[in-house]
Amino acid sequence: MNGRRAQRLEKLGMAPADARFQENLAAARVYYQEHWTLCAPRSAAVLDKPVGQWLSNLRRPGALDGHPEWEAALKAIYEDWNPSWSAEWQRH
């Protein structure tokens, strides 16, 4: 992302991390529409985004600390995006 774009986003109250999140969230929506789950394998990619790895990273403890709106956005797509059971189990 170039510096001018980052400055414009900051003026709008949207940090670059939020912009990246929105891009990845769009990919997650497409993945869900195609597979009816967000328990994607780490190798899954959609819209040229590594959505599987991204979701895996967000499932790590503390990854969403300070971003309750991000978790809400993921739950709006699929309530069980971060299941208490094994994601491996759900993939089968």
Protein backbone atom coordinates (compact mmCIF):
# COMPACT_ATOMS: atom_id res chain seq x y z
CA MET A 1 0.00 0.00 0.00
CA ASN A 2 1.42 3.36 -0.93
CA GLY A 3 1.83 6.16 1.60
CA ARG A 4 -0.88 8.41 0.15
CA ARG A 5 -3.49 5.70 0.27
CA ALA A 6 -2.57 4.89 3.87
CA GLN A 7 -2.88 8.58 4.79
CA ARG A 8 -6.31 8.81 3.15
CA LEU A 9 -7.46 5.72 5.02
CA GLU A 10 -6.20 7.14 8.30
CA LYS A 11 -8.08 10.40 7.66
CA LEU A 12 -11.23 8.34 7.15
CA GLY A 13 -10.59 6.58 10.45
CA MET A 14 -9.62 3.33 8.77
CA ALA A 15 -6.16 2.02 9.52
CA PRO A 16 -4.31 -0.02 6.85
CA ALA A 17 -4.86 -3.14 8.97
CA ASP A 18 -8.61 -2.55 8.69
CA ALA A 19 -8.34 -2.29 4.91
CA ARG A 20 -6.42 -5.59 4.74
CA PHE A 21 -8.99 -7.17 7.02
CA GLN A 22 -11.82 -6.04 4.73
CA GLU A 23 -10.04 -7.47 1.67
CA ASN A 24 -9.55 -10.80 3.41
CA LEU A 25 -13.10 -10.73 4.73
CA ALA A 26 -14.37 -10.38 1.16
CA ALA A 27 -12.38 -13.49 0.26
CA ALA A 28 -13.83 -15.30 3.29
CA ARG A 29 -17.36 -14.44 2.10
CA VAL A 30 -16.62 -15.94 -1.31
CA TYR A 31 -15.09 -19.04 0.28
CA TYR A 32 -18.17 -19.47 2.47
CA GLN A 33 -20.51 -19.08 -0.53
CA GLU A 34 -18.59 -21.83 -2.33
CA HIS A 35 -18.04 -24.24 0.60
CA TRP A 36 -20.64 -23.37 3.28
CA THR A 37 -17.94 -23.24 5.96
CA LEU A 38 -15.03 -21.08 7.06
CA CYS A 39 -13.05 -24.08 8.30
CA ALA A 40 -10.85 -23.77 5.25
CA PRO A 41 -7.61 -25.71 4.96
CA ARG A 42 -4.54 -23.51 5.37
CA SER A 43 -3.79 -23.87 1.67
CA ALA A 44 -7.17 -22.41 0.58
CA ALA A 45 -7.00 -19.26 -1.53
CA VAL A 46 -9.79 -17.10 -2.95
CA LEU A 47 -9.58 -13.79 -4.81
CA ASP A 48 -5.79 -14.14 -4.71
CA LYS A 49 -5.94 -14.08 -0.89
CA PRO A 50 -4.60 -16.89 1.32
CA VAL A 51 -7.93 -17.15 3.14
CA GLY A 52 -7.16 -20.47 4.82
CA GLN A 53 -3.95 -19.23 6.42
CA TRP A 54 -5.60 -15.92 7.34
CA LEU A 55 -8.47 -17.67 9.14
CA SER A 56 -6.03 -20.02 10.87
CA ASN A 57 -4.04 -17.03 12.13
CA LEU A 58 -7.19 -15.34 13.44
CA ARG A 59 -8.15 -18.49 15.40
CA ARG A 60 -4.99 -18.25 17.49
CA PRO A 61 -5.58 -17.16 21.09
CA GLY A 62 -5.45 -13.38 21.39
CA ALA A 63 -5.39 -12.73 17.64
CA LEU A 64 -8.59 -10.69 17.78
CA ASP A 65 -7.90 -8.90 21.05
CA GLY A 66 -8.84 -5.27 20.57
CA HIS A 67 -10.89 -6.03 17.45
CA PRO A 68 -14.33 -7.25 18.54
CA GLU A 69 -15.78 -5.82 15.31
CA TRP A 70 -13.59 -8.20 13.30
CA GLU A 71 -14.90 -11.22 15.19
CA ALA A 72 -18.46 -9.95 14.75
CA ALA A 73 -17.87 -9.60 11.00
CA LEU A 74 -16.63 -13.20 10.79
CA LYS A 75 -19.57 -14.47 12.85
CA ALA A 76 -21.94 -12.59 10.53
CA ILE A 77 -20.65 -14.76 7.69
CA TYR A 78 -20.58 -18.02 9.65
CA GLU A 79 -21.36 -18.32 13.34
CA ASP A 80 -18.98 -21.27 13.78
CA TRP A 81 -16.02 -19.70 11.95
CA ASN A 82 -13.91 -20.54 15.04
CA PRO A 83 -15.45 -23.75 16.37
CA SER A 84 -14.78 -25.13 19.81
CA TRP A 85 -14.37 -28.53 18.14
CA SER A 86 -11.58 -29.46 15.78
CA ALA A 87 -11.64 -27.61 12.46
CA GLU A 88 -10.13 -30.80 10.97
CA TRP A 89 -13.25 -32.67 12.02
CA GLN A 90 -15.53 -30.12 10.38
CA ARG A 91 -13.64 -30.29 7.09
CA HIS A 92 -14.56 -33.96 6.82
